Protein backbone atom coordinates (compact mmCIF):
# COMPACT_ATOMS: atom_id res chain seq x y z
CA MET A 1 -36.85 91.00 -19.10
CA ALA A 2 -33.91 91.39 -21.95
CA GLU A 3 -31.28 89.67 -20.27
CA ILE A 4 -33.66 86.60 -19.92
CA LEU A 5 -34.87 87.07 -23.32
CA GLU A 6 -32.03 87.13 -25.73
CA GLY A 7 -31.17 84.38 -27.40
CA LEU A 8 -33.42 81.79 -25.81
CA LEU A 9 -35.38 81.00 -29.10
CA LEU A 10 -33.75 81.50 -32.95
CA ILE A 11 -35.76 81.89 -35.93
CA ASN A 12 -33.33 80.71 -39.16
CA GLN A 13 -30.43 81.94 -36.89
CA THR A 14 -32.04 84.98 -36.16
CA ASP A 15 -33.10 86.13 -32.34
CA VAL A 16 -36.34 86.95 -32.54
CA TYR A 17 -36.71 88.79 -29.39
CA ALA A 18 -33.36 91.32 -30.11
CA ARG A 19 -34.90 91.73 -33.69
CA PHE A 20 -39.25 91.83 -33.02
CA GLY A 21 -39.35 91.76 -29.45
CA ALA A 22 -41.25 88.93 -30.14
CA PHE A 23 -40.73 85.72 -27.60
CA LEU A 24 -42.70 82.60 -26.75
CA ALA A 25 -45.18 83.37 -23.94
CA GLU A 26 -48.44 81.37 -21.84
CA THR A 27 -51.46 82.03 -20.70
CA ALA A 28 -50.53 81.32 -17.40
CA GLU A 29 -47.78 81.10 -14.90
CA ASP A 30 -48.14 77.22 -14.61
CA ARG A 31 -48.92 76.51 -18.25
CA HIS A 32 -46.06 75.10 -20.28
CA ASP A 33 -48.39 74.86 -23.93
CA ASN A 34 -45.22 75.56 -26.04
CA TYR A 35 -42.79 73.16 -25.09
CA ASP A 36 -45.73 70.67 -24.58
CA SER A 37 -46.21 71.02 -28.35
CA LEU A 38 -42.38 71.25 -29.46
CA LEU A 39 -41.50 68.14 -27.14
CA ALA A 40 -44.36 66.10 -27.64
CA PRO A 41 -42.78 62.86 -29.99
CA PRO A 42 -44.85 62.51 -33.74
CA ALA A 43 -47.27 60.22 -33.55
CA LEU A 44 -45.98 56.68 -35.81
CA LYS A 45 -47.04 56.04 -39.47
CA GLN A 46 -49.31 53.14 -39.43
CA GLN A 47 -47.47 49.70 -40.18
CA ALA A 48 -48.45 47.90 -43.64
CA GLU A 49 -50.97 44.88 -42.73
CA VAL A 50 -52.40 42.37 -44.89
CA SER A 51 -56.04 40.84 -44.17
CA ILE A 52 -56.84 37.64 -45.71
CA GLN A 53 -60.25 36.18 -45.57
CA GLU A 54 -59.18 32.43 -45.00
CA GLU A 55 -56.85 33.46 -42.38
CA ASP A 56 -56.68 34.63 -38.56
CA GLY A 57 -55.34 37.87 -37.96
CA VAL A 58 -53.10 40.00 -40.09
CA ARG A 59 -50.02 39.27 -41.90
CA MET A 60 -46.99 41.73 -41.45
CA PRO A 61 -43.50 42.09 -42.36
CA ASP A 62 -41.13 39.91 -40.26
CA ILE A 63 -38.98 43.60 -39.63
CA LEU A 64 -40.83 46.61 -38.84
CA THR A 65 -39.68 50.05 -39.74
CA GLN A 66 -41.25 52.72 -37.25
CA THR A 67 -41.53 56.00 -39.03
CA TYR A 68 -42.76 59.41 -37.91
CA GLU A 69 -45.86 60.69 -39.27
CA ALA A 70 -45.59 64.71 -39.80
CA ARG A 71 -46.54 66.61 -37.20
CA ASP A 72 -48.02 70.22 -36.33
CA ILE A 73 -46.49 72.55 -33.80
CA THR A 74 -48.49 75.44 -32.38
CA LEU A 75 -46.67 77.87 -30.37
CA ARG A 76 -48.08 80.73 -28.74
CA PHE A 77 -45.69 84.45 -29.27
CA ALA A 78 -46.19 87.62 -27.10
CA ILE A 79 -44.99 90.95 -28.40
CA VAL A 80 -44.18 93.97 -26.34
CA ALA A 81 -43.40 97.72 -27.50
CA SER A 82 -43.13 100.91 -26.13
CA ASN A 83 -45.92 102.63 -28.27
CA ASP A 84 -48.45 102.15 -31.24
CA VAL A 85 -45.70 102.34 -34.12
CA SER A 86 -43.57 100.66 -32.49
CA PHE A 87 -45.55 97.46 -31.58
CA PHE A 88 -46.92 97.54 -35.04
CA THR A 89 -43.46 97.59 -36.84
CA ARG A 90 -42.67 94.89 -34.43
CA TYR A 91 -45.64 92.88 -35.26
CA ALA A 92 -46.00 93.66 -39.06
CA SER A 93 -41.92 92.67 -39.26
CA PHE A 94 -42.41 89.59 -36.81
CA VAL A 95 -45.19 87.97 -39.53
CA LYS A 96 -43.14 88.70 -42.74
CA PHE A 97 -40.52 86.97 -41.76
CA LEU A 98 -42.51 84.12 -40.62
CA LYS A 99 -44.46 83.70 -44.13
CA GLU A 100 -41.32 84.33 -45.98
CA GLY A 101 -39.25 82.36 -43.78
CA ASP A 102 -36.12 80.99 -46.25
CA ASP A 103 -37.26 80.06 -49.36
CA GLY A 104 -40.45 79.63 -47.16
CA TRP A 105 -38.72 77.12 -44.31
CA LEU A 106 -38.10 78.08 -40.67
CA ALA A 107 -34.91 76.28 -38.45
CA LEU A 108 -36.41 76.89 -34.98
CA HIS A 109 -33.52 76.47 -32.38
CA LEU A 110 -34.51 76.56 -28.63
CA THR A 111 -31.04 76.87 -27.27
CA ASP A 112 -31.71 76.32 -23.64
CA VAL A 113 -32.89 72.81 -24.61
CA GLY A 114 -30.35 72.17 -27.50
CA LEU A 115 -33.27 71.20 -30.02
CA LYS A 116 -34.03 72.33 -33.41
CA PHE A 117 -36.61 72.03 -35.81
CA ARG A 118 -37.44 72.49 -39.68
CA VAL A 119 -41.02 73.87 -40.08
CA TYR A 120 -42.73 75.75 -42.43
CA MET A 121 -45.40 78.53 -41.22
CA THR A 122 -49.42 77.41 -41.54
CA GLY A 123 -51.43 80.25 -40.11
CA PHE A 124 -52.24 82.55 -37.24
CA SER A 125 -54.79 82.48 -34.36
CA ASP A 126 -55.97 84.05 -31.27
CA TYR A 127 -54.43 86.95 -31.03
CA SER A 128 -55.01 88.83 -27.36
CA GLN A 129 -54.41 92.45 -26.87
CA LEU A 130 -52.88 92.61 -23.06
CA ALA A 131 -52.15 95.98 -23.05
CA PRO A 132 -54.23 98.54 -25.27
CA PHE A 133 -53.50 100.91 -28.11
CA GLY A 134 -52.99 104.63 -27.41
CA LYS A 135 -51.63 104.46 -23.69
CA GLY A 136 -48.44 104.05 -23.86
CA GLU A 137 -46.71 100.59 -23.58
CA VAL A 138 -48.28 97.81 -25.90
CA ALA A 139 -49.07 94.04 -25.76
CA ALA A 140 -50.03 91.36 -27.42
CA THR A 141 -50.53 87.51 -27.42
CA PHE A 142 -50.77 85.45 -30.87
CA SER A 143 -50.44 81.76 -31.71
CA VAL A 144 -48.38 80.65 -34.82
CA LYS A 145 -49.17 77.18 -36.52
CA PHE A 146 -46.50 75.59 -37.84
CA ARG A 147 -46.27 72.17 -39.83
CA GLU A 148 -42.60 69.81 -39.44
CA PRO A 149 -42.89 67.72 -42.43
CA LYS A 150 -39.77 65.47 -41.37
CA PRO A 151 -40.01 65.38 -37.50
CA THR A 152 -36.19 63.91 -36.35
CA PHE A 153 -37.16 64.57 -32.74
CA GLU A 154 -33.06 65.61 -32.14
CA LEU A 155 -30.44 67.79 -30.63
CA ALA A 156 -29.67 70.91 -32.91
CA ALA A 157 -25.76 69.91 -33.46
CA SER A 158 -26.78 66.49 -35.06
CA ILE A 159 -29.29 69.11 -37.94
């Protein structure tokens, strides 16, 4: 599994699988919720309109500038470890890493598709224990919510 997951997701230039054993996970084999969240285009900001009572419709500028709204991204991660202590160490370290970032900022780099996103973490949800504590290998999944204040929707090389 390591040869498949290593280097796929970098956060602030850190391979999160190599350092924390964390990787993007789905709720089912045929799901793609992580990529759906990352690749969904941001909403566009509403255009300025002026409504005048004596005129039909609204007045708008002759040239429209289309700009993106900030957007929220939710990613599901998994961490697997050989025992309880290793799991808690990896999990706590990963949570701290995401919380602190680089002055709070996180650069998510999906190396397989060449995309990069500048985000900050806004919270956690949906923790699910997959393999119990005290019985050897421990595994869990959890969702992390991020905010991308200035969506760029560009390839990593240009950011």
